[in-house]
Amino acid sequence: MKDSSMFFIFGSPRSGTSLLSRMLNKHTSLAVPYESHYFNTFGKWQELYGDLSVDDNRRRLIEDVLSTDVMQDWSPSLELSDVEEALNEPSFPGVFEGIMRAYASKTGKRRWGEKTPHHVHYWQTINQAFPGAKIIHIVRDGRDVALSLLNARFGPKSLYGCARYWSAHLERIEAVKKELDPTRFHQLHYETLVTDPESVLRGVCDFLAEPYQESMLEFYKDQADYKTDAQNQRNLNSPLLAANVNKWQQNMSRRDSLFFDRLAGDDLVRYGYQVSPESRGNFLLLEIRDRFMLGPLRKGLAMIRNLKGHRDGFIKLMIYFRLKRFTPRVPD
């Protein structure tokens, strides 16, 4: 599948991937739905479906994908018949492409993009399936990412965990960049997107060979329910907030910011962010408090209020149990 019109949005969670995807979805040619989690959920199960050229096997996979909690959030929603009609190839990546093409068709768009941050870890599979696909990567100051993650219903709940999480994503992105022709990779900063959105979006449109449209700046006017946490939902339904840049300077203690700089300073510098030279001190006591006291407490509170995560996990567990009882058909 060498179609170069498709694109994937990568970025560490809480880096602005939802904002960017919602902006691009306002373009009259670009369809960018909510996350699919296709490869990170079903990639490990694909062999259980058998030969997808067999109708029963393929339909089982499509029905399971469409039944997941994240896919139920898509608007407009998709039916089995929509995907079957859009299918070009009866394979695992072919089903994914069929889902995306079906969504684009339902929204009257001619191109699709996909945004699931975890898909960066399945880049080899995606690149082999879609060797013409383009990548848009958004990066945000890791200290602001950490503040957002600490308050989110998912993700690490210690500064140590957040720093490692952010750096691990950037390590994967560096590997992706090395494998790609520069014409297939475009990087932008969240801070510039918020403070100078027109310039950044013009750059993205040039990368995608699409004309710039002012409508992308009005992403918040449709007041769509994007199925995220309450604070993120409020941000997505509001004009761009310049106050979301460098929040760590007001909301992170000096000691915590120095600790984060020590953990991820090299990555901060690599991506153009300033760090303090004071971050070379001894942070042992702070690390113990952060990792083994505050971290578990925040994690427990997040688990209690993560109703969406629990529902999603239950649905996937039911899919897995049904799949274990499913006997794939073999070709006649």
Protein backbone atom coordinates (compact mmCIF):
# COMPACT_ATOMS: atom_id res chain seq x y z
CA MET A 1 0.00 0.00 0.00
CA LYS A 2 2.15 2.85 -1.28
CA ASP A 3 -0.50 5.55 -1.09
CA SER A 4 1.33 8.71 0.06
CA SER A 5 -1.89 10.54 0.90
CA MET A 6 -2.25 8.88 4.32
CA PHE A 7 -0.48 10.25 7.39
CA PHE A 8 0.05 9.39 11.05
CA ILE A 9 0.30 11.85 13.95
CA PHE A 10 2.81 10.85 16.61
CA GLY A 11 3.58 12.52 19.90
CA SER A 12 3.94 11.63 23.54
CA PRO A 13 0.55 11.58 25.29
CA ARG A 14 -0.33 15.08 26.58
CA SER A 15 1.83 16.74 23.94
CA GLY A 16 -1.02 18.23 21.91
CA THR A 17 -1.81 15.32 19.58
CA SER A 18 -5.55 15.73 20.21
CA LEU A 19 -5.38 19.47 19.52
CA LEU A 20 -3.44 18.98 16.29
CA SER A 21 -5.67 16.17 15.04
CA ARG A 22 -8.78 18.20 15.76
CA MET A 23 -7.36 21.17 13.87
CA LEU A 24 -6.48 19.06 10.84
CA ASN A 25 -9.88 17.37 10.93
CA LYS A 26 -11.44 20.80 10.26
CA HIS A 27 -9.73 20.84 6.85
CA THR A 28 -12.24 20.01 4.12
CA SER A 29 -9.95 17.34 2.66
CA LEU A 30 -8.59 15.70 5.82
CA ALA A 31 -10.35 13.18 8.05
CA VAL A 32 -8.64 12.62 11.41
CA PRO A 33 -10.89 10.71 13.84
CA TYR A 34 -10.40 9.89 17.49
CA GLU A 35 -7.70 7.32 18.35
CA SER A 36 -8.15 3.80 16.98
CA HIS A 37 -5.59 1.83 19.07
CA TYR A 38 -5.75 -0.71 16.24
CA PHE A 39 -2.16 -1.93 16.13
CA ASN A 40 -1.43 -1.82 19.87
CA THR A 41 -4.68 -3.66 20.69
CA PHE A 42 -5.18 -6.14 17.86
CA GLY A 43 -1.60 -6.55 16.65
CA LYS A 44 -0.90 -9.17 19.31
CA TRP A 45 -4.10 -11.07 18.44
CA GLN A 46 -4.05 -11.01 14.65
CA GLU A 47 -2.96 -14.64 14.27
CA LEU A 48 -6.02 -15.75 16.22
CA TYR A 49 -8.25 -14.48 13.41
CA GLY A 50 -6.66 -16.76 10.83
CA ASP A 51 -6.60 -16.05 7.11
CA LEU A 52 -8.36 -12.71 6.62
CA SER A 53 -9.14 -13.48 2.99
CA VAL A 54 -11.84 -15.74 4.46
CA ASP A 55 -14.98 -13.65 4.95
CA ASP A 56 -15.93 -14.99 8.40
CA ASN A 57 -12.45 -14.37 9.82
CA ARG A 58 -12.19 -10.88 8.43
CA ARG A 59 -15.67 -9.91 9.57
CA ARG A 60 -14.91 -11.19 13.06
CA LEU A 61 -11.89 -8.87 13.23
CA ILE A 62 -13.82 -5.86 11.91
CA GLU A 63 -16.70 -6.44 14.32
CA ASP A 64 -14.30 -6.77 17.26
CA VAL A 65 -12.48 -3.56 16.34
CA LEU A 66 -15.72 -1.62 15.97
CA SER A 67 -16.93 -2.88 19.35
CA THR A 68 -14.02 -1.39 21.33
CA ASP A 69 -14.65 1.55 23.59
CA VAL A 70 -12.44 3.92 21.60
CA MET A 71 -14.16 3.08 18.32
CA GLN A 72 -17.55 3.68 19.92
CA ASP A 73 -16.36 7.27 20.42
CA TRP A 74 -15.99 7.90 16.69
CA SER A 75 -18.54 10.21 15.11
CA PRO A 76 -19.91 9.34 12.66
CA SER A 77 -19.80 5.73 13.79
CA LEU A 78 -18.93 2.89 11.42
CA GLU A 79 -20.75 -0.32 10.58
CA LEU A 80 -19.35 -3.59 9.27
CA SER A 81 -20.78 -2.85 5.82
CA ASP A 82 -18.99 0.53 5.71
CA VAL A 83 -15.61 -1.09 6.25
CA GLU A 84 -16.27 -4.02 3.91
CA GLU A 85 -17.21 -1.60 1.14
CA ALA A 86 -14.05 0.46 1.68
CA LEU A 87 -11.72 -2.57 1.86
CA ASN A 88 -8.96 -2.78 -0.73
CA GLU A 89 -6.99 -5.70 0.67
CA PRO A 90 -8.09 -8.60 2.95
CA SER A 91 -5.17 -8.39 5.38
CA PHE A 92 -4.51 -7.06 8.86
CA PRO A 93 -3.22 -3.67 7.66
CA GLY A 94 -5.86 -3.79 4.92
CA VAL A 95 -8.64 -3.90 7.51
CA PHE A 96 -7.10 -0.88 9.25
CA GLU A 97 -6.96 1.01 5.96
CA GLY A 98 -10.54 0.00 5.24
CA ILE A 99 -11.65 1.45 8.59
CA MET A 100 -9.87 4.72 7.91
CA ARG A 101 -11.13 4.97 4.34
CA ALA A 102 -14.66 4.25 5.52
CA TYR A 103 -14.45 7.08 8.04
CA ALA A 104 -13.09 9.50 5.45
CA SER A 105 -15.88 8.54 3.08
CA LYS A 106 -18.56 9.07 5.73
CA THR A 107 -17.22 12.53 6.51
CA GLY A 108 -16.93 13.50 2.86
CA LYS A 109 -13.12 13.77 2.97
CA ARG A 110 -10.66 12.38 0.44
CA ARG A 111 -7.68 11.77 2.75
CA TRP A 112 -7.24 10.32 6.20
CA GLY A 113 -4.82 10.68 9.06
CA GLU A 114 -4.59 8.64 12.25
CA LYS A 115 -3.61 9.68 15.77
CA THR A 116 -2.79 7.03 18.36
CA PRO A 117 0.34 7.97 20.38
CA HIS A 118 1.09 4.31 21.21
CA HIS A 119 1.34 3.46 17.52
CA VAL A 120 4.86 4.84 17.46
CA HIS A 121 5.89 1.55 19.09
CA TYR A 122 4.42 -0.31 16.09
CA TRP A 123 6.14 1.84 13.53
CA GLN A 124 7.95 -1.05 11.82
CA THR A 125 4.63 -2.79 11.14
CA ILE A 126 3.00 0.43 9.96
CA ASN A 127 5.91 1.37 7.71
CA GLN A 128 5.98 -2.06 6.10
CA ALA A 129 2.24 -1.89 5.46
CA PHE A 130 2.15 1.75 4.32
CA PRO A 131 5.58 2.62 2.88
CA GLY A 132 4.30 5.88 1.45
CA ALA A 133 2.70 7.20 4.65
CA LYS A 134 3.87 10.49 6.11
CA ILE A 135 4.56 11.20 9.78
CA ILE A 136 3.73 14.39 11.67
CA HIS A 137 5.38 14.55 15.07
CA ILE A 138 4.44 17.06 17.74
CA VAL A 139 6.77 17.59 20.69
CA ARG A 140 6.08 19.51 23.90
CA ASP A 141 8.29 20.52 26.80
CA GLY A 142 8.57 17.37 28.92
CA ARG A 143 8.00 19.30 32.14
CA ASP A 144 4.57 20.46 30.92
CA VAL A 145 3.88 16.92 29.69
CA ALA A 146 4.69 15.65 33.16
CA LEU A 147 2.35 18.10 34.87
CA SER A 148 -0.46 17.02 32.57
CA LEU A 149 0.25 13.31 33.00
CA LEU A 150 0.29 13.59 36.79
CA ASN A 151 -3.29 14.90 36.63
CA ALA A 152 -4.51 12.58 33.88
CA ARG A 153 -6.53 9.41 34.41
CA PHE A 154 -3.76 7.39 32.74
CA GLY A 155 0.01 7.28 32.48
CA PRO A 156 2.82 7.45 35.05
CA LYS A 157 2.18 9.22 38.33
CA SER A 158 5.67 10.16 39.47
CA LEU A 159 8.04 12.75 38.00
CA TYR A 160 10.57 9.97 37.56
CA GLY A 161 8.07 7.89 35.59
CA CYS A 162 6.94 10.87 33.51
CA ALA A 163 10.50 11.78 32.56
CA ARG A 164 11.31 8.20 31.54
CA TYR A 165 7.99 7.94 29.66
CA TRP A 166 8.63 11.15 27.71
CA SER A 167 12.23 10.25 26.91
CA ALA A 168 11.26 6.73 25.79
CA HIS A 169 8.82 8.21 23.29
CA LEU A 170 11.49 10.54 21.91
CA GLU A 171 13.90 7.62 21.63
CA ARG A 172 11.37 5.82 19.43
CA ILE A 173 10.84 8.96 17.36
CA GLU A 174 14.57 9.30 16.75
CA ALA A 175 14.57 5.73 15.42
CA VAL A 176 11.63 6.54 13.14
CA LYS A 177 13.38 9.64 11.80
CA LYS A 178 16.48 7.61 10.91
CA GLU A 179 14.39 5.20 8.82
CA LEU A 180 12.47 7.83 6.90
CA ASP A 181 13.23 10.00 3.93
CA PRO A 182 13.01 13.63 5.16
CA THR A 183 10.13 14.23 2.75
CA ARG A 184 8.01 11.85 4.84
CA PHE A 185 8.67 13.36 8.29
CA HIS A 186 7.52 16.71 9.67
CA GLN A 187 8.08 17.91 13.21
CA LEU A 188 6.49 20.79 15.09
CA HIS A 189 6.45 22.12 18.62
CA TYR A 190 3.31 22.42 20.71
CA GLU A 191 4.46 25.78 22.03
CA THR A 192 4.65 27.26 18.52
CA LEU A 193 1.35 25.69 17.51
CA VAL A 194 -0.35 27.47 20.41
CA THR A 195 1.37 30.84 20.00
CA ASP A 196 1.64 31.01 16.19
CA PRO A 197 -0.93 28.49 14.88
CA GLU A 198 -1.33 29.85 11.38
CA SER A 199 2.39 29.59 10.60
CA VAL A 200 2.60 26.06 11.99
CA LEU A 201 -0.53 24.85 10.20
CA ARG A 202 0.68 26.35 6.94
CA GLY A 203 3.83 24.29 7.36
CA VAL A 204 1.81 21.14 7.98
CA CYS A 205 -0.37 21.84 4.93
CA ASP A 206 2.72 22.36 2.77
CA PHE A 207 4.06 19.04 4.04
CA LEU A 208 0.79 17.33 3.10
CA ALA A 209 0.56 19.23 -0.21
CA GLU A 210 -2.79 20.72 0.80
CA PRO A 211 -3.91 24.36 0.68
CA TYR A 212 -4.07 26.14 4.01
CA GLN A 213 -7.59 26.72 5.34
CA GLU A 214 -8.61 29.23 8.02
CA SER A 215 -11.24 26.77 9.25
CA MET A 216 -8.51 24.83 11.05
CA LEU A 217 -8.18 27.70 13.52
CA GLU A 218 -11.86 27.31 14.39
CA PHE A 219 -11.50 23.72 15.63
CA TYR A 220 -13.29 24.55 18.88
CA LYS A 221 -16.52 25.89 17.38
CA ASP A 222 -18.21 22.55 16.74
CA GLN A 223 -18.03 21.75 20.50
CA ALA A 224 -17.54 18.07 19.65
CA ASP A 225 -17.23 15.61 22.52
CA TYR A 226 -13.72 14.23 22.10
CA LYS A 227 -13.97 11.62 24.88
CA THR A 228 -11.06 12.78 26.96
CA ASP A 229 -10.71 13.99 30.52
CA ALA A 230 -12.69 17.04 31.59
CA GLN A 231 -9.79 19.53 31.53
CA ASN A 232 -8.57 18.40 28.12
CA GLN A 233 -12.15 18.55 26.82
CA ARG A 234 -12.50 22.14 28.01
CA ASN A 235 -9.24 23.05 26.28
CA LEU A 236 -10.33 21.44 23.02
CA ASN A 237 -13.64 23.31 23.12
CA SER A 238 -11.94 26.67 23.69
CA PRO A 239 -9.76 28.94 21.56
CA LEU A 240 -6.03 28.35 21.82
CA LEU A 241 -4.70 29.00 25.30
CA ALA A 242 -1.27 30.65 25.39
CA ALA A 243 -1.26 29.99 29.15
CA ASN A 244 -0.75 26.28 28.39
CA VAL A 245 2.85 27.06 27.41
CA ASN A 246 5.55 26.81 30.10
CA LYS A 247 3.05 26.00 32.82
CA TRP A 248 5.80 24.19 34.68
CA GLN A 249 7.46 27.53 35.51
CA GLN A 250 4.50 28.44 37.73
CA ASN A 251 3.19 25.02 38.74
CA MET A 252 6.33 22.98 39.37
CA SER A 253 8.56 23.59 42.35
CA ARG A 254 12.15 24.59 41.73
CA ARG A 255 13.37 21.33 43.22
CA ASP A 256 11.00 19.24 41.05
CA SER A 257 11.98 21.07 37.86
CA LEU A 258 15.66 20.52 38.62
CA PHE A 259 14.95 16.85 39.27
CA PHE A 260 13.18 16.53 35.91
CA ASP A 261 16.07 18.34 34.19
CA ARG A 262 18.47 15.82 35.65
CA LEU A 263 16.38 12.89 34.43
CA ALA A 264 15.59 14.18 30.91
CA GLY A 265 17.86 17.17 30.42
CA ASP A 266 19.61 15.78 27.36
CA ASP A 267 16.28 15.31 25.58
CA LEU A 268 15.06 18.76 26.64
CA VAL A 269 18.17 20.34 25.13
CA ARG A 270 18.01 18.17 22.00
CA TYR A 271 14.52 19.46 21.28
CA GLY A 272 15.30 23.09 21.97
CA TYR A 273 14.24 23.53 25.60
CA GLN A 274 16.38 25.22 28.22
CA VAL A 275 17.53 23.46 31.38
CA SER A 276 19.16 24.72 34.53
CA PRO A 277 22.85 24.05 35.18
CA GLU A 278 21.86 23.42 38.81
CA SER A 279 20.29 20.06 37.92
CA ARG A 280 23.44 18.11 38.80
CA GLY A 281 22.83 17.90 42.53
CA ASN A 282 21.81 14.98 44.71
CA PHE A 283 18.11 14.16 44.38
CA LEU A 284 18.06 10.80 46.16
CA LEU A 285 15.55 11.77 48.86
CA LEU A 286 13.34 13.53 46.34
CA GLU A 287 13.41 10.48 44.08
CA ILE A 288 12.43 8.18 46.96
CA ARG A 289 9.52 10.44 47.91
CA ASP A 290 8.47 10.84 44.26
CA ARG A 291 8.69 7.19 43.17
CA PHE A 292 7.72 5.30 46.30
CA MET A 293 5.38 7.65 48.18
CA LEU A 294 3.67 10.24 45.98
CA GLY A 295 3.72 8.09 42.84
CA PRO A 296 1.76 5.14 44.27
CA LEU A 297 -0.71 7.51 45.95
CA ARG A 298 -1.40 9.37 42.69
CA LYS A 299 -1.63 6.06 40.84
CA GLY A 300 -4.23 4.74 43.24
CA LEU A 301 -6.36 7.88 42.95
CA ALA A 302 -6.10 7.81 39.16
CA MET A 303 -7.20 4.18 39.04
CA ILE A 304 -10.27 4.97 41.12
CA ARG A 305 -11.45 7.70 38.75
CA ASN A 306 -10.35 6.05 35.49
CA LEU A 307 -13.81 4.71 34.65
CA LYS A 308 -13.20 4.95 30.93
CA GLY A 309 -9.98 2.96 31.25
CA HIS A 310 -11.71 0.25 33.29
CA ARG A 311 -14.56 0.03 30.76
CA ASP A 312 -12.11 -0.16 27.87
CA GLY A 313 -10.11 -2.88 29.62
CA PHE A 314 -13.24 -4.90 30.32
CA ILE A 315 -14.38 -4.69 26.70
CA LYS A 316 -10.97 -5.83 25.44
CA LEU A 317 -10.96 -8.69 27.92
CA MET A 318 -14.35 -9.84 26.64
CA ILE A 319 -13.09 -9.59 23.05
CA TYR A 320 -10.11 -11.75 23.95
CA PHE A 321 -12.24 -14.43 25.63
CA ARG A 322 -14.64 -14.51 22.66
CA LEU A 323 -11.69 -14.68 20.32
CA LYS A 324 -10.20 -17.65 22.16
CA ARG A 325 -13.45 -19.50 21.50
CA PHE A 326 -13.54 -18.39 17.88
CA THR A 327 -12.39 -21.02 15.37
CA PRO A 328 -10.99 -19.34 12.28
CA ARG A 329 -12.27 -20.67 8.98
CA VAL A 330 -9.71 -22.03 6.53
CA PRO A 331 -9.78 -21.26 2.81
CA ASP A 332 -11.83 -23.70 0.74
